[in-house]
């Protein structure tokens, strides 16, 4: 194999294939369109790790364009509350059936209400760190990102979820704050430097 695998768009027309060294001689720029065998479409040169290394490019990121509105976020939250509440209710029912004791049932119910926000807090952190979205967000087609549209760090996720308490104690102003900015960030998004985006309109 001679290494001629790169097709380069020059003046609007695909040319090649070229080797890596030949691409270097062609004066490839970060936004030049390049394709390799097996790719369905062209990508910009900065998206190829080998071209970044050879030509000294840094990977460029496109800012997210589609932000999740209040309606999608509200529905996602409702779904998540339903899931968490359903799990706790199921466990309480099992305990009530096993012990069949009024005092135990009452303690279990009270404990469930105390555990509800705690469980939801850790549920959000785990899901958003692992998959950038809770089950509710997944169903709504939205996810949490950093300001570049990439996966947020664990620190950003933790700060975001802790800051939700501030959004709540301000009589939910922190949630309605998303109506006041183009990126539709809530107050806790602002504090954590995160976004909630959707892939398309």
C-alpha atoms as a PDB file:
ATOM      1  CA  UNK A   1       0.000   0.000   0.000  1.00  0.00           C
ATOM      2  CA  UNK A   2       1.503   3.363  -1.036  1.00  0.00           C
ATOM      3  CA  UNK A   3      -0.352   5.408   1.579  1.00  0.00           C
ATOM      4  CA  UNK A   4      -2.365   7.350  -0.986  1.00  0.00           C
ATOM      5  CA  UNK A   5      -5.622   7.347   0.936  1.00  0.00           C
ATOM      6  CA  UNK A   6      -6.553  11.010   1.341  1.00  0.00           C
ATOM      7  CA  UNK A   7      -8.881  12.778  -1.069  1.00  0.00           C
ATOM      8  CA  UNK A   8      -8.604  16.575  -0.834  1.00  0.00           C
ATOM      9  CA  UNK A   9     -11.077  19.173  -2.074  1.00  0.00           C
ATOM     10  CA  UNK A  10      -9.175  21.819  -4.060  1.00  0.00           C
ATOM     11  CA  UNK A  11     -11.078  24.756  -5.554  1.00  0.00           C
ATOM     12  CA  UNK A  12     -14.340  22.931  -4.971  1.00  0.00           C
ATOM     13  CA  UNK A  13     -13.245  19.712  -6.690  1.00  0.00           C
ATOM     14  CA  UNK A  14     -12.063  16.455  -5.068  1.00  0.00           C
ATOM     15  CA  UNK A  15      -8.515  15.524  -6.045  1.00  0.00           C
ATOM     16  CA  UNK A  16      -6.219  12.682  -5.101  1.00  0.00           C
ATOM     17  CA  UNK A  17      -5.729  10.328  -3.459  1.00  0.00           C
ATOM     18  CA  UNK A  18      -2.657  11.702  -1.707  1.00  0.00           C
ATOM     19  CA  UNK A  19      -0.236  10.516   0.940  1.00  0.00           C
ATOM     20  CA  UNK A  20       0.267  12.451   4.175  1.00  0.00           C
ATOM     21  CA  UNK A  21       3.458  14.016   2.821  1.00  0.00           C
ATOM     22  CA  UNK A  22       1.694  15.045  -0.380  1.00  0.00           C
ATOM     23  CA  UNK A  23      -1.059  16.680   1.654  1.00  0.00           C
ATOM     24  CA  UNK A  24       1.593  18.675   3.488  1.00  0.00           C
ATOM     25  CA  UNK A  25       2.982  19.878   0.162  1.00  0.00           C
ATOM     26  CA  UNK A  26      -0.522  20.925  -0.924  1.00  0.00           C
ATOM     27  CA  UNK A  27      -0.679  23.442   1.907  1.00  0.00           C
ATOM     28  CA  UNK A  28      -3.683  21.901   3.615  1.00  0.00           C
ATOM     29  CA  UNK A  29      -5.429  24.280   6.029  1.00  0.00           C
ATOM     30  CA  UNK A  30      -7.432  23.363   9.161  1.00  0.00           C
ATOM     31  CA  UNK A  31     -10.723  23.915   7.324  1.00  0.00           C
ATOM     32  CA  UNK A  32      -9.742  22.041   4.142  1.00  0.00           C
ATOM     33  CA  UNK A  33     -12.102  19.171   3.358  1.00  0.00           C
ATOM     34  CA  UNK A  34     -10.505  15.718   3.410  1.00  0.00           C
ATOM     35  CA  UNK A  35     -11.851  12.189   3.121  1.00  0.00           C
ATOM     36  CA  UNK A  36     -10.425   8.717   3.669  1.00  0.00           C
ATOM     37  CA  UNK A  37     -11.748   5.364   2.388  1.00  0.00           C
ATOM     38  CA  UNK A  38     -14.749   4.164   4.376  1.00  0.00           C
ATOM     39  CA  UNK A  39     -15.972   7.667   5.222  1.00  0.00           C
ATOM     40  CA  UNK A  40     -19.448   8.674   4.065  1.00  0.00           C
ATOM     41  CA  UNK A  41     -18.579  12.348   3.800  1.00  0.00           C
ATOM     42  CA  UNK A  42     -15.713  14.806   3.972  1.00  0.00           C
ATOM     43  CA  UNK A  43     -14.398  16.216   7.244  1.00  0.00           C
ATOM     44  CA  UNK A  44     -12.314  19.283   7.938  1.00  0.00           C
ATOM     45  CA  UNK A  45      -8.595  18.555   8.192  1.00  0.00           C
ATOM     46  CA  UNK A  46      -8.365  19.552  11.855  1.00  0.00           C
ATOM     47  CA  UNK A  47     -10.676  16.640  12.712  1.00  0.00           C
ATOM     48  CA  UNK A  48      -8.008  14.082  11.728  1.00  0.00           C
ATOM     49  CA  UNK A  49      -5.543  13.356  14.533  1.00  0.00           C
ATOM     50  CA  UNK A  50      -2.753  12.400  12.111  1.00  0.00           C
ATOM     51  CA  UNK A  51      -3.152  15.664  10.174  1.00  0.00           C
ATOM     52  CA  UNK A  52      -3.139  17.698  13.376  1.00  0.00           C
ATOM     53  CA  UNK A  53       0.104  16.005  14.385  1.00  0.00           C
ATOM     54  CA  UNK A  54       1.755  16.356  10.972  1.00  0.00           C
ATOM     55  CA  UNK A  55       0.656  19.900  10.179  1.00  0.00           C
ATOM     56  CA  UNK A  56       0.537  21.373  13.665  1.00  0.00           C
ATOM     57  CA  UNK A  57      -3.204  22.039  13.743  1.00  0.00           C
ATOM     58  CA  UNK A  58      -5.178  22.296  16.937  1.00  0.00           C
ATOM     59  CA  UNK A  59      -8.601  20.720  16.974  1.00  0.00           C
ATOM     60  CA  UNK A  60     -11.297  23.338  16.505  1.00  0.00           C
ATOM     61  CA  UNK A  61     -14.715  23.125  18.057  1.00  0.00           C
ATOM     62  CA  UNK A  62     -17.997  24.424  16.740  1.00  0.00           C
ATOM     63  CA  UNK A  63     -20.158  26.071  19.354  1.00  0.00           C
ATOM     64  CA  UNK A  64     -23.509  24.361  19.927  1.00  0.00           C
ATOM     65  CA  UNK A  65     -26.347  25.913  17.935  1.00  0.00           C
ATOM     66  CA  UNK A  66     -29.474  24.253  19.294  1.00  0.00           C
ATOM     67  CA  UNK A  67     -30.283  24.760  22.952  1.00  0.00           C
ATOM     68  CA  UNK A  68     -32.903  22.884  24.936  1.00  0.00           C
ATOM     69  CA  UNK A  69     -35.879  25.053  25.798  1.00  0.00           C
ATOM     70  CA  UNK A  70     -37.888  25.197  28.996  1.00  0.00           C
ATOM     71  CA  UNK A  71     -40.526  22.758  27.736  1.00  0.00           C
ATOM     72  CA  UNK A  72     -38.079  19.940  26.951  1.00  0.00           C
ATOM     73  CA  UNK A  73     -36.211  20.434  30.198  1.00  0.00           C
ATOM     74  CA  UNK A  74     -39.422  20.494  32.222  1.00  0.00           C
ATOM     75  CA  UNK A  75     -40.648  17.258  30.639  1.00  0.00           C
ATOM     76  CA  UNK A  76     -37.253  15.622  31.215  1.00  0.00           C
ATOM     77  CA  UNK A  77     -37.362  16.674  34.873  1.00  0.00           C
ATOM     78  CA  UNK A  78     -40.887  15.299  35.276  1.00  0.00           C
ATOM     79  CA  UNK A  79     -39.807  11.951  33.807  1.00  0.00           C
ATOM     80  CA  UNK A  80     -36.788  11.774  36.113  1.00  0.00           C
ATOM     81  CA  UNK A  81     -38.904  12.562  39.184  1.00  0.00           C
ATOM     82  CA  UNK A  82     -41.370   9.873  38.108  1.00  0.00           C
ATOM     83  CA  UNK A  83     -38.566   7.307  37.761  1.00  0.00           C
ATOM     84  CA  UNK A  84     -37.003   8.096  41.138  1.00  0.00           C
ATOM     85  CA  UNK A  85     -40.359   8.293  42.898  1.00  0.00           C
ATOM     86  CA  UNK A  86     -41.404   4.997  41.306  1.00  0.00           C
ATOM     87  CA  UNK A  87     -38.271   3.228  42.562  1.00  0.00           C
ATOM     88  CA  UNK A  88     -38.737   4.511  46.107  1.00  0.00           C
ATOM     89  CA  UNK A  89     -42.470   3.725  46.101  1.00  0.00           C
ATOM     90  CA  UNK A  90     -41.751   0.172  44.931  1.00  0.00           C
ATOM     91  CA  UNK A  91     -39.186  -0.354  47.702  1.00  0.00           C
ATOM     92  CA  UNK A  92     -41.571   1.073  50.297  1.00  0.00           C
ATOM     93  CA  UNK A  93     -44.310  -1.261  49.106  1.00  0.00           C
ATOM     94  CA  UNK A  94     -41.997  -4.265  49.386  1.00  0.00           C
ATOM     95  CA  UNK A  95     -40.999  -3.288  52.933  1.00  0.00           C
ATOM     96  CA  UNK A  96     -44.640  -2.746  53.910  1.00  0.00           C
ATOM     97  CA  UNK A  97     -45.611  -6.174  52.564  1.00  0.00           C
ATOM     98  CA  UNK A  98     -42.708  -7.902  54.298  1.00  0.00           C
ATOM     99  CA  UNK A  99     -43.093  -6.322  57.742  1.00  0.00           C
ATOM    100  CA  UNK A 100     -46.847  -5.580  57.667  1.00  0.00           C
ATOM    101  CA  UNK A 101     -46.412  -3.154  60.548  1.00  0.00           C
ATOM    102  CA  UNK A 102     -47.939   0.339  60.700  1.00  0.00           C
ATOM    103  CA  UNK A 103     -44.999   1.936  62.537  1.00  0.00           C
ATOM    104  CA  UNK A 104     -42.458   0.443  60.136  1.00  0.00           C
ATOM    105  CA  UNK A 105     -44.548   1.541  57.156  1.00  0.00           C
ATOM    106  CA  UNK A 106     -44.761   5.102  58.502  1.00  0.00           C
ATOM    107  CA  UNK A 107     -41.005   5.270  59.108  1.00  0.00           C
ATOM    108  CA  UNK A 108     -40.391   3.888  55.618  1.00  0.00           C
ATOM    109  CA  UNK A 109     -42.635   6.511  54.010  1.00  0.00           C
ATOM    110  CA  UNK A 110     -40.949   9.357  55.901  1.00  0.00           C
ATOM    111  CA  UNK A 111     -37.513   7.974  55.040  1.00  0.00           C
ATOM    112  CA  UNK A 112     -38.553   7.767  51.397  1.00  0.00           C
ATOM    113  CA  UNK A 113     -39.421  11.462  51.257  1.00  0.00           C
ATOM    114  CA  UNK A 114     -36.072  12.315  52.849  1.00  0.00           C
ATOM    115  CA  UNK A 115     -34.166  10.064  50.456  1.00  0.00           C
ATOM    116  CA  UNK A 116     -36.008  11.271  47.342  1.00  0.00           C
ATOM    117  CA  UNK A 117     -33.969  14.465  46.674  1.00  0.00           C
ATOM    118  CA  UNK A 118     -30.723  12.786  47.801  1.00  0.00           C
ATOM    119  CA  UNK A 119     -31.219   9.850  45.449  1.00  0.00           C
ATOM    120  CA  UNK A 120     -32.150  12.202  42.621  1.00  0.00           C
ATOM    121  CA  UNK A 121     -29.001  14.272  43.223  1.00  0.00           C
ATOM    122  CA  UNK A 122     -26.692  11.269  42.870  1.00  0.00           C
ATOM    123  CA  UNK A 123     -28.768   9.873  39.997  1.00  0.00           C
ATOM    124  CA  UNK A 124     -28.197  13.102  38.035  1.00  0.00           C
ATOM    125  CA  UNK A 125     -24.476  13.165  38.772  1.00  0.00           C
ATOM    126  CA  UNK A 126     -23.994   9.521  37.786  1.00  0.00           C
ATOM    127  CA  UNK A 127     -26.048   9.681  34.582  1.00  0.00           C
ATOM    128  CA  UNK A 128     -24.732  13.055  33.419  1.00  0.00           C
ATOM    129  CA  UNK A 129     -21.147  11.985  34.058  1.00  0.00           C
ATOM    130  CA  UNK A 130     -21.571   8.600  32.356  1.00  0.00           C
ATOM    131  CA  UNK A 131     -23.849   9.544  29.455  1.00  0.00           C
ATOM    132  CA  UNK A 132     -24.342  13.338  29.614  1.00  0.00           C
ATOM    133  CA  UNK A 133     -28.052  12.793  30.147  1.00  0.00           C
ATOM    134  CA  UNK A 134     -30.533  11.303  32.570  1.00  0.00           C
ATOM    135  CA  UNK A 135     -33.229   8.964  31.265  1.00  0.00           C
ATOM    136  CA  UNK A 136     -35.600  11.921  31.076  1.00  0.00           C
ATOM    137  CA  UNK A 137     -33.159  13.971  29.032  1.00  0.00           C
ATOM    138  CA  UNK A 138     -32.491  11.003  26.750  1.00  0.00           C
ATOM    139  CA  UNK A 139     -36.190  10.622  26.058  1.00  0.00           C
ATOM    140  CA  UNK A 140     -36.371  14.324  25.178  1.00  0.00           C
ATOM    141  CA  UNK A 141     -33.264  14.145  22.981  1.00  0.00           C
ATOM    142  CA  UNK A 142     -31.220  16.594  25.047  1.00  0.00           C
ATOM    143  CA  UNK A 143     -27.925  16.383  26.929  1.00  0.00           C
ATOM    144  CA  UNK A 144     -25.581  18.334  29.197  1.00  0.00           C
ATOM    145  CA  UNK A 145     -22.349  19.713  27.689  1.00  0.00           C
ATOM    146  CA  UNK A 146     -19.636  22.192  28.513  1.00  0.00           C
ATOM    147  CA  UNK A 147     -19.510  25.554  26.719  1.00  0.00           C
ATOM    148  CA  UNK A 148     -17.861  23.977  23.655  1.00  0.00           C
ATOM    149  CA  UNK A 149     -20.497  21.294  23.295  1.00  0.00           C
ATOM    150  CA  UNK A 150     -18.221  18.596  24.714  1.00  0.00           C
ATOM    151  CA  UNK A 151     -18.709  16.261  27.645  1.00  0.00           C
ATOM    152  CA  UNK A 152     -18.520  18.259  30.887  1.00  0.00           C
ATOM    153  CA  UNK A 153     -16.055  17.335  33.606  1.00  0.00           C
ATOM    154  CA  UNK A 154     -17.198  15.625  36.786  1.00  0.00           C
ATOM    155  CA  UNK A 155     -16.492  18.860  38.673  1.00  0.00           C
ATOM    156  CA  UNK A 156     -18.761  20.834  36.337  1.00  0.00           C
ATOM    157  CA  UNK A 157     -21.514  18.254  36.756  1.00  0.00           C
ATOM    158  CA  UNK A 158     -21.241  18.299  40.550  1.00  0.00           C
ATOM    159  CA  UNK A 159     -21.236  22.118  40.657  1.00  0.00           C
ATOM    160  CA  UNK A 160     -24.228  22.176  38.318  1.00  0.00           C
ATOM    161  CA  UNK A 161     -26.292  19.868  40.499  1.00  0.00           C
ATOM    162  CA  UNK A 162     -25.305  21.505  43.781  1.00  0.00           C
ATOM    163  CA  UNK A 163     -26.191  24.894  42.279  1.00  0.00           C
ATOM    164  CA  UNK A 164     -29.709  23.693  41.540  1.00  0.00           C
ATOM    165  CA  UNK A 165     -30.488  24.405  45.191  1.00  0.00           C
ATOM    166  CA  UNK A 166     -29.775  28.090  44.507  1.00  0.00           C
ATOM    167  CA  UNK A 167     -32.032  28.004  41.457  1.00  0.00           C
ATOM    168  CA  UNK A 168     -34.754  26.557  43.691  1.00  0.00           C
ATOM    169  CA  UNK A 169     -34.453  28.763  46.798  1.00  0.00           C
ATOM    170  CA  UNK A 170     -34.673  31.884  44.619  1.00  0.00           C
ATOM    171  CA  UNK A 171     -38.335  30.966  44.088  1.00  0.00           C
ATOM    172  CA  UNK A 172     -37.296  29.051  40.946  1.00  0.00           C
ATOM    173  CA  UNK A 173     -35.906  32.213  39.336  1.00  0.00           C
ATOM    174  CA  UNK A 174     -32.769  30.221  38.572  1.00  0.00           C
ATOM    175  CA  UNK A 175     -34.773  28.009  36.234  1.00  0.00           C
ATOM    176  CA  UNK A 176     -36.645  30.860  34.565  1.00  0.00           C
ATOM    177  CA  UNK A 177     -33.324  32.619  34.031  1.00  0.00           C
ATOM    178  CA  UNK A 178     -33.010  30.625  30.808  1.00  0.00           C
ATOM    179  CA  UNK A 179     -35.565  32.959  29.213  1.00  0.00           C
ATOM    180  CA  UNK A 180     -33.129  35.852  29.686  1.00  0.00           C
ATOM    181  CA  UNK A 181     -30.203  34.563  27.614  1.00  0.00           C
ATOM    182  CA  UNK A 182     -29.729  33.251  24.092  1.00  0.00           C
ATOM    183  CA  UNK A 183     -28.066  30.018  25.157  1.00  0.00           C
ATOM    184  CA  UNK A 184     -31.015  29.234  27.441  1.00  0.00           C
ATOM    185  CA  UNK A 185     -28.782  28.581  30.435  1.00  0.00           C
ATOM    186  CA  UNK A 186     -30.379  28.297  33.838  1.00  0.00           C
ATOM    187  CA  UNK A 187     -28.631  29.904  36.795  1.00  0.00           C
ATOM    188  CA  UNK A 188     -27.017  26.585  37.731  1.00  0.00           C
ATOM    189  CA  UNK A 189     -25.818  26.176  34.133  1.00  0.00           C
ATOM    190  CA  UNK A 190     -24.195  29.609  34.337  1.00  0.00           C
ATOM    191  CA  UNK A 191     -22.504  28.769  37.615  1.00  0.00           C
ATOM    192  CA  UNK A 192     -21.135  25.480  36.259  1.00  0.00           C
ATOM    193  CA  UNK A 193     -20.354  26.746  32.730  1.00  0.00           C
ATOM    194  CA  UNK A 194     -22.593  24.107  31.183  1.00  0.00           C
ATOM    195  CA  UNK A 195     -25.245  23.985  28.476  1.00  0.00           C
ATOM    196  CA  UNK A 196     -28.206  21.742  27.776  1.00  0.00           C
ATOM    197  CA  UNK A 197     -28.425  21.166  24.048  1.00  0.00           C
ATOM    198  CA  UNK A 198     -30.366  19.190  21.476  1.00  0.00           C
ATOM    199  CA  UNK A 199     -28.853  17.795  18.322  1.00  0.00           C
ATOM    200  CA  UNK A 200     -31.214  19.492  15.899  1.00  0.00           C
ATOM    201  CA  UNK A 201     -34.331  21.621  15.657  1.00  0.00           C
END
